[in-house]
């Protein structure tokens, strides 16, 4: 939400909190419970009875309304009301699957469910170019984008394992070794959770990261190496807890790129034995890329 206020310290805090709480309704699947008319009425007239005093969103709008009541200038107050209205509209648009304009803020917020339309959009972006899926991080809700990206990563790993004669686990290890890169997300998806369905993997990884971001410890009695005192193991997240959605999608893309490195290395060694795989030359590099993309599109 745009920063606005007569008192910079107080109002900036209130507006930021309000925006975060409104978007939390989107993340938690509660956007349908927002009542824009009641919220805006409370903002314009903070002395009116609160429609729901236990609702944190109502209380924050009420606090902002009381602050506005002390500021001079009707035009300024109406500008703030329009800003809040626009933020509410953005949340509701995002909840309906319309990620345009202000509603694009949704790409920074993780939902607990998957939007099939967004999965289809993400799949189309990946099909166009699985190595450089432009827009996947900036135009698609991250939970849905990750579900599509897991599908493409697993297809890439299967295909490279087949043509290179390796196991999927070896493909991950080789991809990390070639560029000395930690592909923790890809390893988690392809090796540690290889038998879990795509949507389940994404949901579990995001849930762990969101809980970690809230300071909640996740324990699982079924994991190996339990704590000897409590017979459970504290689970850590492979994602950045402050931006789990973006971190997950980015990690999946890097996993696909890692699979391509293994593919390029194997094909160069097999078909161009006199060429250093790390310096294939521009023409061969382009041919390898085009072949990999075409073959992956067929596999996926």
C-alpha atoms as a PDB file:
ATOM      1  CA  UNK A   1       0.000   0.000   0.000  1.00  0.00           C
ATOM      2  CA  UNK A   2       1.195   3.546  -0.700  1.00  0.00           C
ATOM      3  CA  UNK A   3       2.754   5.231   2.337  1.00  0.00           C
ATOM      4  CA  UNK A   4       0.686   8.208   3.389  1.00  0.00           C
ATOM      5  CA  UNK A   5       0.125  10.201   6.568  1.00  0.00           C
ATOM      6  CA  UNK A   6       0.098  13.509   8.358  1.00  0.00           C
ATOM      7  CA  UNK A   7       2.240  12.045  11.127  1.00  0.00           C
ATOM      8  CA  UNK A   8       4.931  10.031   9.273  1.00  0.00           C
ATOM      9  CA  UNK A   9       5.881   7.775  12.189  1.00  0.00           C
ATOM     10  CA  UNK A  10       2.413   6.784  13.338  1.00  0.00           C
ATOM     11  CA  UNK A  11       0.593   6.625  10.029  1.00  0.00           C
ATOM     12  CA  UNK A  12       3.271   4.747   8.137  1.00  0.00           C
ATOM     13  CA  UNK A  13       3.096   1.999  10.740  1.00  0.00           C
ATOM     14  CA  UNK A  14      -0.697   1.861  10.600  1.00  0.00           C
ATOM     15  CA  UNK A  15      -0.904   1.752   6.798  1.00  0.00           C
ATOM     16  CA  UNK A  16       1.758  -0.940   6.532  1.00  0.00           C
ATOM     17  CA  UNK A  17       0.051  -3.076   9.132  1.00  0.00           C
ATOM     18  CA  UNK A  18      -3.305  -2.644   7.455  1.00  0.00           C
ATOM     19  CA  UNK A  19      -1.984  -3.700   4.072  1.00  0.00           C
ATOM     20  CA  UNK A  20      -0.274  -6.753   5.568  1.00  0.00           C
ATOM     21  CA  UNK A  21      -3.437  -7.794   7.387  1.00  0.00           C
ATOM     22  CA  UNK A  22      -5.606  -7.339   4.297  1.00  0.00           C
ATOM     23  CA  UNK A  23      -3.248  -9.519   2.275  1.00  0.00           C
ATOM     24  CA  UNK A  24      -3.190 -12.093   5.046  1.00  0.00           C
ATOM     25  CA  UNK A  25      -6.885 -12.594   4.255  1.00  0.00           C
ATOM     26  CA  UNK A  26      -5.835 -13.518   0.717  1.00  0.00           C
ATOM     27  CA  UNK A  27      -3.083 -15.874   1.905  1.00  0.00           C
ATOM     28  CA  UNK A  28      -5.357 -17.627   4.378  1.00  0.00           C
ATOM     29  CA  UNK A  29      -8.288 -17.996   1.999  1.00  0.00           C
ATOM     30  CA  UNK A  30     -10.410 -15.513   3.945  1.00  0.00           C
ATOM     31  CA  UNK A  31     -10.727 -12.740   1.369  1.00  0.00           C
ATOM     32  CA  UNK A  32     -14.387 -13.613   0.954  1.00  0.00           C
ATOM     33  CA  UNK A  33     -14.936 -12.570   4.566  1.00  0.00           C
ATOM     34  CA  UNK A  34     -13.773  -9.008   3.897  1.00  0.00           C
ATOM     35  CA  UNK A  35     -16.632  -6.519   3.900  1.00  0.00           C
ATOM     36  CA  UNK A  36     -15.382  -3.465   1.995  1.00  0.00           C
ATOM     37  CA  UNK A  37     -18.474  -1.339   2.661  1.00  0.00           C
ATOM     38  CA  UNK A  38     -18.232  -1.841   6.446  1.00  0.00           C
ATOM     39  CA  UNK A  39     -14.471  -1.294   6.481  1.00  0.00           C
ATOM     40  CA  UNK A  40     -14.689   1.937   4.494  1.00  0.00           C
ATOM     41  CA  UNK A  41     -17.581   3.190   6.620  1.00  0.00           C
ATOM     42  CA  UNK A  42     -15.478   2.549   9.742  1.00  0.00           C
ATOM     43  CA  UNK A  43     -12.552   4.367   8.143  1.00  0.00           C
ATOM     44  CA  UNK A  44     -14.664   7.435   7.367  1.00  0.00           C
ATOM     45  CA  UNK A  45     -16.472   7.418  10.727  1.00  0.00           C
ATOM     46  CA  UNK A  46     -14.393   5.756  13.471  1.00  0.00           C
ATOM     47  CA  UNK A  47     -17.014   6.717  16.080  1.00  0.00           C
ATOM     48  CA  UNK A  48     -19.632   4.419  14.601  1.00  0.00           C
ATOM     49  CA  UNK A  49     -20.148   1.034  16.311  1.00  0.00           C
ATOM     50  CA  UNK A  50     -17.644  -1.516  15.043  1.00  0.00           C
ATOM     51  CA  UNK A  51     -19.257  -4.237  12.904  1.00  0.00           C
ATOM     52  CA  UNK A  52     -16.913  -6.812  14.464  1.00  0.00           C
ATOM     53  CA  UNK A  53     -14.610  -5.632  17.233  1.00  0.00           C
ATOM     54  CA  UNK A  54     -12.796  -8.977  17.352  1.00  0.00           C
ATOM     55  CA  UNK A  55     -11.715  -8.769  13.723  1.00  0.00           C
ATOM     56  CA  UNK A  56      -8.124  -7.528  13.492  1.00  0.00           C
ATOM     57  CA  UNK A  57      -8.792  -5.984  10.093  1.00  0.00           C
ATOM     58  CA  UNK A  58     -11.710  -3.970  11.450  1.00  0.00           C
ATOM     59  CA  UNK A  59      -9.649  -2.821  14.420  1.00  0.00           C
ATOM     60  CA  UNK A  60      -6.780  -1.626  12.224  1.00  0.00           C
ATOM     61  CA  UNK A  61      -9.135   0.223   9.881  1.00  0.00           C
ATOM     62  CA  UNK A  62     -10.702   1.786  12.967  1.00  0.00           C
ATOM     63  CA  UNK A  63      -7.246   2.863  14.217  1.00  0.00           C
ATOM     64  CA  UNK A  64      -6.429   4.407  10.851  1.00  0.00           C
ATOM     65  CA  UNK A  65      -9.805   6.158  10.817  1.00  0.00           C
ATOM     66  CA  UNK A  66      -9.143   7.714  14.227  1.00  0.00           C
ATOM     67  CA  UNK A  67      -5.777   8.930  12.984  1.00  0.00           C
ATOM     68  CA  UNK A  68      -7.353  10.435   9.871  1.00  0.00           C
ATOM     69  CA  UNK A  69      -9.987  12.185  11.968  1.00  0.00           C
ATOM     70  CA  UNK A  70      -7.187  14.190  13.588  1.00  0.00           C
ATOM     71  CA  UNK A  71      -5.604  15.254  10.314  1.00  0.00           C
ATOM     72  CA  UNK A  72      -6.627  18.461   8.534  1.00  0.00           C
ATOM     73  CA  UNK A  73      -7.939  18.469   5.004  1.00  0.00           C
ATOM     74  CA  UNK A  74     -10.891  16.566   3.572  1.00  0.00           C
ATOM     75  CA  UNK A  75      -9.040  15.963   0.308  1.00  0.00           C
ATOM     76  CA  UNK A  76      -6.229  14.176   2.135  1.00  0.00           C
ATOM     77  CA  UNK A  77      -8.652  11.972   4.053  1.00  0.00           C
ATOM     78  CA  UNK A  78     -10.509  11.019   0.878  1.00  0.00           C
ATOM     79  CA  UNK A  79      -7.207  10.171  -0.796  1.00  0.00           C
ATOM     80  CA  UNK A  80      -6.433   7.730   2.006  1.00  0.00           C
ATOM     81  CA  UNK A  81      -9.916   6.216   1.757  1.00  0.00           C
ATOM     82  CA  UNK A  82      -9.394   5.687  -1.980  1.00  0.00           C
ATOM     83  CA  UNK A  83      -6.049   4.026  -1.267  1.00  0.00           C
ATOM     84  CA  UNK A  84      -7.648   1.623   1.194  1.00  0.00           C
ATOM     85  CA  UNK A  85     -10.451   0.924  -1.277  1.00  0.00           C
ATOM     86  CA  UNK A  86      -7.892   0.210  -3.993  1.00  0.00           C
ATOM     87  CA  UNK A  87      -6.007  -2.157  -1.697  1.00  0.00           C
ATOM     88  CA  UNK A  88      -9.208  -3.997  -0.834  1.00  0.00           C
ATOM     89  CA  UNK A  89     -10.081  -4.286  -4.522  1.00  0.00           C
ATOM     90  CA  UNK A  90      -6.596  -5.638  -5.243  1.00  0.00           C
ATOM     91  CA  UNK A  91      -6.965  -8.338  -2.590  1.00  0.00           C
ATOM     92  CA  UNK A  92     -10.384  -9.340  -3.915  1.00  0.00           C
ATOM     93  CA  UNK A  93      -9.167  -9.349  -7.530  1.00  0.00           C
ATOM     94  CA  UNK A  94      -6.222 -11.551  -6.584  1.00  0.00           C
ATOM     95  CA  UNK A  95      -8.535 -13.903  -4.722  1.00  0.00           C
ATOM     96  CA  UNK A  96     -10.598 -14.213  -7.897  1.00  0.00           C
ATOM     97  CA  UNK A  97      -7.460 -15.072  -9.871  1.00  0.00           C
ATOM     98  CA  UNK A  98      -7.033 -11.701 -11.618  1.00  0.00           C
ATOM     99  CA  UNK A  99      -3.365 -10.837 -11.088  1.00  0.00           C
ATOM    100  CA  UNK A 100      -3.119  -7.506 -12.863  1.00  0.00           C
ATOM    101  CA  UNK A 101      -2.213  -4.013 -11.725  1.00  0.00           C
ATOM    102  CA  UNK A 102      -2.165  -3.628  -7.976  1.00  0.00           C
ATOM    103  CA  UNK A 103      -3.303  -7.230  -7.518  1.00  0.00           C
ATOM    104  CA  UNK A 104       0.133  -8.384  -8.701  1.00  0.00           C
ATOM    105  CA  UNK A 105       1.194  -7.956  -5.086  1.00  0.00           C
ATOM    106  CA  UNK A 106      -0.217 -11.470  -4.736  1.00  0.00           C
ATOM    107  CA  UNK A 107       3.023 -12.921  -6.123  1.00  0.00           C
ATOM    108  CA  UNK A 108       4.639 -12.033  -2.784  1.00  0.00           C
ATOM    109  CA  UNK A 109       2.026 -13.885  -0.748  1.00  0.00           C
ATOM    110  CA  UNK A 110       1.677 -17.644  -0.394  1.00  0.00           C
ATOM    111  CA  UNK A 111      -1.797 -19.138  -0.559  1.00  0.00           C
ATOM    112  CA  UNK A 112      -2.712 -22.411   1.053  1.00  0.00           C
ATOM    113  CA  UNK A 113      -4.556 -23.642  -2.029  1.00  0.00           C
ATOM    114  CA  UNK A 114      -3.821 -23.932  -5.730  1.00  0.00           C
ATOM    115  CA  UNK A 115      -5.566 -21.919  -8.436  1.00  0.00           C
ATOM    116  CA  UNK A 116      -5.961 -24.166 -11.485  1.00  0.00           C
ATOM    117  CA  UNK A 117      -5.970 -21.198 -13.841  1.00  0.00           C
ATOM    118  CA  UNK A 118      -2.644 -20.018 -12.451  1.00  0.00           C
ATOM    119  CA  UNK A 119      -1.187 -23.532 -12.740  1.00  0.00           C
ATOM    120  CA  UNK A 120      -2.163 -23.536 -16.415  1.00  0.00           C
ATOM    121  CA  UNK A 121      -0.588 -20.103 -16.883  1.00  0.00           C
ATOM    122  CA  UNK A 122       2.618 -21.231 -15.185  1.00  0.00           C
ATOM    123  CA  UNK A 123       2.696 -24.395 -17.285  1.00  0.00           C
ATOM    124  CA  UNK A 124       2.418 -22.327 -20.466  1.00  0.00           C
ATOM    125  CA  UNK A 125       5.281 -20.073 -19.342  1.00  0.00           C
ATOM    126  CA  UNK A 126       7.466 -23.104 -18.636  1.00  0.00           C
ATOM    127  CA  UNK A 127       6.562 -24.781 -21.914  1.00  0.00           C
ATOM    128  CA  UNK A 128       7.589 -21.665 -23.824  1.00  0.00           C
ATOM    129  CA  UNK A 129      11.063 -21.775 -22.252  1.00  0.00           C
ATOM    130  CA  UNK A 130      11.697 -24.087 -19.292  1.00  0.00           C
ATOM    131  CA  UNK A 131      15.244 -22.761 -18.846  1.00  0.00           C
ATOM    132  CA  UNK A 132      14.306 -19.080 -18.686  1.00  0.00           C
ATOM    133  CA  UNK A 133      10.598 -18.953 -17.798  1.00  0.00           C
ATOM    134  CA  UNK A 134      10.200 -15.189 -17.904  1.00  0.00           C
ATOM    135  CA  UNK A 135       7.307 -14.035 -15.762  1.00  0.00           C
ATOM    136  CA  UNK A 136       7.012 -17.117 -13.587  1.00  0.00           C
ATOM    137  CA  UNK A 137       8.305 -15.211 -10.557  1.00  0.00           C
ATOM    138  CA  UNK A 138       6.503 -11.955 -11.266  1.00  0.00           C
ATOM    139  CA  UNK A 139       3.098 -12.740 -12.760  1.00  0.00           C
ATOM    140  CA  UNK A 140       1.910 -16.037 -11.246  1.00  0.00           C
ATOM    141  CA  UNK A 141       0.835 -16.810  -7.680  1.00  0.00           C
ATOM    142  CA  UNK A 142       3.802 -18.747  -6.185  1.00  0.00           C
ATOM    143  CA  UNK A 143       1.962 -21.824  -4.875  1.00  0.00           C
ATOM    144  CA  UNK A 144       0.449 -22.502  -8.284  1.00  0.00           C
ATOM    145  CA  UNK A 145       3.682 -21.604 -10.090  1.00  0.00           C
ATOM    146  CA  UNK A 146       5.591 -24.056  -7.908  1.00  0.00           C
ATOM    147  CA  UNK A 147       3.197 -26.923  -8.668  1.00  0.00           C
ATOM    148  CA  UNK A 148       3.797 -26.437 -12.394  1.00  0.00           C
ATOM    149  CA  UNK A 149       7.550 -26.032 -11.888  1.00  0.00           C
ATOM    150  CA  UNK A 150       7.811 -29.256  -9.845  1.00  0.00           C
ATOM    151  CA  UNK A 151       6.208 -31.125 -12.741  1.00  0.00           C
ATOM    152  CA  UNK A 152       8.744 -29.707 -15.205  1.00  0.00           C
ATOM    153  CA  UNK A 153      11.699 -30.274 -12.876  1.00  0.00           C
ATOM    154  CA  UNK A 154      10.772 -33.910 -12.363  1.00  0.00           C
ATOM    155  CA  UNK A 155      10.333 -34.383 -16.107  1.00  0.00           C
ATOM    156  CA  UNK A 156      13.747 -32.808 -16.720  1.00  0.00           C
ATOM    157  CA  UNK A 157      15.438 -34.993 -14.118  1.00  0.00           C
ATOM    158  CA  UNK A 158      13.821 -38.178 -15.454  1.00  0.00           C
ATOM    159  CA  UNK A 159      14.818 -37.399 -19.011  1.00  0.00           C
ATOM    160  CA  UNK A 160      18.402 -36.441 -18.212  1.00  0.00           C
ATOM    161  CA  UNK A 161      18.796 -39.513 -16.006  1.00  0.00           C
ATOM    162  CA  UNK A 162      17.627 -41.666 -18.912  1.00  0.00           C
ATOM    163  CA  UNK A 163      19.773 -40.155 -21.659  1.00  0.00           C
ATOM    164  CA  UNK A 164      22.875 -39.778 -19.473  1.00  0.00           C
ATOM    165  CA  UNK A 165      22.589 -43.172 -17.799  1.00  0.00           C
ATOM    166  CA  UNK A 166      22.428 -41.857 -14.235  1.00  0.00           C
ATOM    167  CA  UNK A 167      19.985 -42.060 -11.366  1.00  0.00           C
ATOM    168  CA  UNK A 168      17.952 -38.954 -10.584  1.00  0.00           C
ATOM    169  CA  UNK A 169      19.940 -38.512  -7.372  1.00  0.00           C
ATOM    170  CA  UNK A 170      23.166 -38.600  -9.394  1.00  0.00           C
ATOM    171  CA  UNK A 171      21.780 -35.992 -11.786  1.00  0.00           C
ATOM    172  CA  UNK A 172      21.236 -33.632  -8.844  1.00  0.00           C
ATOM    173  CA  UNK A 173      24.708 -34.317  -7.451  1.00  0.00           C
ATOM    174  CA  UNK A 174      26.355 -33.775 -10.845  1.00  0.00           C
ATOM    175  CA  UNK A 175      24.390 -30.573 -11.430  1.00  0.00           C
ATOM    176  CA  UNK A 176      25.658 -29.233  -8.116  1.00  0.00           C
ATOM    177  CA  UNK A 177      29.231 -30.313  -8.850  1.00  0.00           C
ATOM    178  CA  UNK A 178      29.429 -28.821 -12.350  1.00  0.00           C
ATOM    179  CA  UNK A 179      28.698 -25.265 -11.186  1.00  0.00           C
ATOM    180  CA  UNK A 180      29.572 -25.729  -7.492  1.00  0.00           C
ATOM    181  CA  UNK A 181      25.991 -24.725  -6.695  1.00  0.00           C
ATOM    182  CA  UNK A 182      23.768 -25.808  -3.832  1.00  0.00           C
ATOM    183  CA  UNK A 183      20.505 -27.063  -5.320  1.00  0.00           C
ATOM    184  CA  UNK A 184      18.798 -27.710  -2.010  1.00  0.00           C
ATOM    185  CA  UNK A 185      15.266 -27.202  -3.310  1.00  0.00           C
ATOM    186  CA  UNK A 186      15.794 -29.521  -6.279  1.00  0.00           C
ATOM    187  CA  UNK A 187      17.393 -32.157  -4.048  1.00  0.00           C
ATOM    188  CA  UNK A 188      14.477 -31.986  -1.623  1.00  0.00           C
ATOM    189  CA  UNK A 189      11.926 -32.421  -4.411  1.00  0.00           C
ATOM    190  CA  UNK A 190      13.759 -35.006  -6.514  1.00  0.00           C
ATOM    191  CA  UNK A 191      15.449 -37.113  -3.848  1.00  0.00           C
ATOM    192  CA  UNK A 192      14.071 -36.574  -0.349  1.00  0.00           C
ATOM    193  CA  UNK A 193      10.414 -36.370  -1.483  1.00  0.00           C
ATOM    194  CA  UNK A 194      10.599 -38.309  -4.717  1.00  0.00           C
ATOM    195  CA  UNK A 195       7.490 -40.395  -4.005  1.00  0.00           C
ATOM    196  CA  UNK A 196       5.217 -37.504  -2.994  1.00  0.00           C
ATOM    197  CA  UNK A 197       2.739 -36.025  -5.506  1.00  0.00           C
ATOM    198  CA  UNK A 198       3.605 -32.611  -6.943  1.00  0.00           C
ATOM    199  CA  UNK A 199       0.934 -30.666  -5.060  1.00  0.00           C
ATOM    200  CA  UNK A 200       1.730 -32.400  -1.780  1.00  0.00           C
ATOM    201  CA  UNK A 201       5.439 -31.598  -2.057  1.00  0.00           C
ATOM    202  CA  UNK A 202       4.739 -27.933  -2.728  1.00  0.00           C
ATOM    203  CA  UNK A 203       2.164 -27.650   0.046  1.00  0.00           C
ATOM    204  CA  UNK A 204       4.445 -29.269   2.618  1.00  0.00           C
ATOM    205  CA  UNK A 205       7.496 -27.185   1.710  1.00  0.00           C
ATOM    206  CA  UNK A 206       5.532 -23.943   1.827  1.00  0.00           C
ATOM    207  CA  UNK A 207       3.798 -24.844   5.083  1.00  0.00           C
ATOM    208  CA  UNK A 208       7.109 -25.620   6.771  1.00  0.00           C
ATOM    209  CA  UNK A 209       8.586 -22.311   5.632  1.00  0.00           C
ATOM    210  CA  UNK A 210       5.539 -20.259   6.630  1.00  0.00           C
ATOM    211  CA  UNK A 211       5.491 -21.841  10.089  1.00  0.00           C
ATOM    212  CA  UNK A 212       9.220 -21.256  10.457  1.00  0.00           C
ATOM    213  CA  UNK A 213       8.681 -17.617   9.522  1.00  0.00           C
ATOM    214  CA  UNK A 214       6.164 -17.345  12.346  1.00  0.00           C
ATOM    215  CA  UNK A 215       8.641 -18.821  14.814  1.00  0.00           C
ATOM    216  CA  UNK A 216       6.819 -22.133  15.107  1.00  0.00           C
ATOM    217  CA  UNK A 217       8.908 -25.287  15.430  1.00  0.00           C
ATOM    218  CA  UNK A 218       7.721 -28.179  13.327  1.00  0.00           C
ATOM    219  CA  UNK A 219       8.284 -31.672  14.700  1.00  0.00           C
ATOM    220  CA  UNK A 220       7.749 -35.009  13.052  1.00  0.00           C
ATOM    221  CA  UNK A 221       7.953 -38.312  14.924  1.00  0.00           C
ATOM    222  CA  UNK A 222       8.249 -40.242  11.662  1.00  0.00           C
ATOM    223  CA  UNK A 223      11.547 -38.739  10.540  1.00  0.00           C
ATOM    224  CA  UNK A 224      14.837 -40.565  11.302  1.00  0.00           C
ATOM    225  CA  UNK A 225      17.355 -39.463  13.926  1.00  0.00           C
ATOM    226  CA  UNK A 226      14.809 -38.436  16.582  1.00  0.00           C
ATOM    227  CA  UNK A 227      15.732 -36.309  19.541  1.00  0.00           C
ATOM    228  CA  UNK A 228      16.624 -38.775  22.305  1.00  0.00           C
ATOM    229  CA  UNK A 229      14.732 -36.845  24.971  1.00  0.00           C
ATOM    230  CA  UNK A 230      11.498 -36.207  23.090  1.00  0.00           C
ATOM    231  CA  UNK A 231      11.721 -38.797  20.294  1.00  0.00           C
ATOM    232  CA  UNK A 232      11.032 -36.323  17.558  1.00  0.00           C
ATOM    233  CA  UNK A 233      13.112 -34.389  15.102  1.00  0.00           C
ATOM    234  CA  UNK A 234      12.837 -30.674  14.483  1.00  0.00           C
ATOM    235  CA  UNK A 235      12.353 -30.128  10.769  1.00  0.00           C
ATOM    236  CA  UNK A 236      14.203 -27.337   9.024  1.00  0.00           C
ATOM    237  CA  UNK A 237      13.010 -25.616   5.876  1.00  0.00           C
ATOM    238  CA  UNK A 238      15.014 -25.439   2.668  1.00  0.00           C
ATOM    239  CA  UNK A 239      13.241 -22.177   1.817  1.00  0.00           C
ATOM    240  CA  UNK A 240      13.791 -18.607   2.929  1.00  0.00           C
ATOM    241  CA  UNK A 241      11.110 -18.192   5.573  1.00  0.00           C
ATOM    242  CA  UNK A 242      10.488 -14.530   4.692  1.00  0.00           C
ATOM    243  CA  UNK A 243       9.944 -15.201   0.972  1.00  0.00           C
ATOM    244  CA  UNK A 244       9.099 -18.892   0.748  1.00  0.00           C
ATOM    245  CA  UNK A 245       7.076 -18.700  -2.447  1.00  0.00           C
ATOM    246  CA  UNK A 246       9.686 -16.880  -4.494  1.00  0.00           C
ATOM    247  CA  UNK A 247      12.469 -18.995  -2.992  1.00  0.00           C
ATOM    248  CA  UNK A 248      10.690 -22.224  -3.918  1.00  0.00           C
ATOM    249  CA  UNK A 249       9.918 -21.227  -7.501  1.00  0.00           C
ATOM    250  CA  UNK A 250      13.435 -19.876  -8.019  1.00  0.00           C
ATOM    251  CA  UNK A 251      14.933 -23.073  -6.592  1.00  0.00           C
ATOM    252  CA  UNK A 252      12.844 -25.208  -8.941  1.00  0.00           C
ATOM    253  CA  UNK A 253      13.916 -23.159 -11.960  1.00  0.00           C
ATOM    254  CA  UNK A 254      17.558 -23.495 -10.934  1.00  0.00           C
ATOM    255  CA  UNK A 255      16.984 -27.231 -10.639  1.00  0.00           C
ATOM    256  CA  UNK A 256      15.809 -27.405 -14.268  1.00  0.00           C
ATOM    257  CA  UNK A 257      18.839 -25.383 -15.315  1.00  0.00           C
ATOM    258  CA  UNK A 258      21.037 -27.788 -13.352  1.00  0.00           C
ATOM    259  CA  UNK A 259      19.536 -30.737 -15.222  1.00  0.00           C
ATOM    260  CA  UNK A 260      20.420 -29.000 -18.473  1.00  0.00           C
ATOM    261  CA  UNK A 261      24.043 -28.653 -17.365  1.00  0.00           C
ATOM    262  CA  UNK A 262      24.251 -32.405 -16.798  1.00  0.00           C
ATOM    263  CA  UNK A 263      22.573 -33.016 -20.165  1.00  0.00           C
ATOM    264  CA  UNK A 264      24.968 -30.676 -21.961  1.00  0.00           C
ATOM    265  CA  UNK A 265      27.969 -32.277 -20.281  1.00  0.00           C
ATOM    266  CA  UNK A 266      26.827 -35.795 -21.194  1.00  0.00           C
ATOM    267  CA  UNK A 267      25.935 -34.955 -24.803  1.00  0.00           C
ATOM    268  CA  UNK A 268      29.194 -33.089 -25.373  1.00  0.00           C
ATOM    269  CA  UNK A 269      31.254 -35.951 -23.983  1.00  0.00           C
ATOM    270  CA  UNK A 270      29.340 -38.441 -26.143  1.00  0.00           C
ATOM    271  CA  UNK A 271      29.046 -36.521 -29.407  1.00  0.00           C
ATOM    272  CA  UNK A 272      31.994 -34.121 -29.301  1.00  0.00           C
ATOM    273  CA  UNK A 273      34.735 -36.046 -27.489  1.00  0.00           C
ATOM    274  CA  UNK A 274      37.387 -33.475 -28.328  1.00  0.00           C
ATOM    275  CA  UNK A 275      35.390 -30.550 -26.896  1.00  0.00           C
ATOM    276  CA  UNK A 276      35.671 -29.362 -23.307  1.00  0.00           C
ATOM    277  CA  UNK A 277      32.111 -29.524 -21.868  1.00  0.00           C
ATOM    278  CA  UNK A 278      32.768 -26.322 -19.935  1.00  0.00           C
ATOM    279  CA  UNK A 279      33.652 -24.483 -23.187  1.00  0.00           C
ATOM    280  CA  UNK A 280      31.372 -25.939 -25.861  1.00  0.00           C
ATOM    281  CA  UNK A 281      31.445 -22.958 -28.206  1.00  0.00           C
ATOM    282  CA  UNK A 282      28.447 -20.779 -29.119  1.00  0.00           C
ATOM    283  CA  UNK A 283      26.986 -22.871 -31.953  1.00  0.00           C
ATOM    284  CA  UNK A 284      27.108 -26.165 -30.064  1.00  0.00           C
ATOM    285  CA  UNK A 285      25.780 -24.464 -26.923  1.00  0.00           C
ATOM    286  CA  UNK A 286      22.765 -23.142 -28.845  1.00  0.00           C
ATOM    287  CA  UNK A 287      22.148 -26.554 -30.428  1.00  0.00           C
ATOM    288  CA  UNK A 288      22.321 -28.260 -27.034  1.00  0.00           C
ATOM    289  CA  UNK A 289      19.894 -25.777 -25.538  1.00  0.00           C
ATOM    290  CA  UNK A 290      17.410 -26.135 -28.367  1.00  0.00           C
ATOM    291  CA  UNK A 291      17.599 -29.923 -28.246  1.00  0.00           C
ATOM    292  CA  UNK A 292      17.146 -30.035 -24.491  1.00  0.00           C
ATOM    293  CA  UNK A 293      14.138 -27.712 -24.573  1.00  0.00           C
ATOM    294  CA  UNK A 294      12.488 -29.671 -27.396  1.00  0.00           C
ATOM    295  CA  UNK A 295      13.095 -33.016 -25.709  1.00  0.00           C
ATOM    296  CA  UNK A 296      11.893 -31.735 -22.341  1.00  0.00           C
ATOM    297  CA  UNK A 297       8.742 -30.318 -23.911  1.00  0.00           C
ATOM    298  CA  UNK A 298       8.074 -33.782 -25.324  1.00  0.00           C
ATOM    299  CA  UNK A 299       8.797 -35.486 -21.978  1.00  0.00           C
ATOM    300  CA  UNK A 300       6.690 -33.104 -19.884  1.00  0.00           C
END
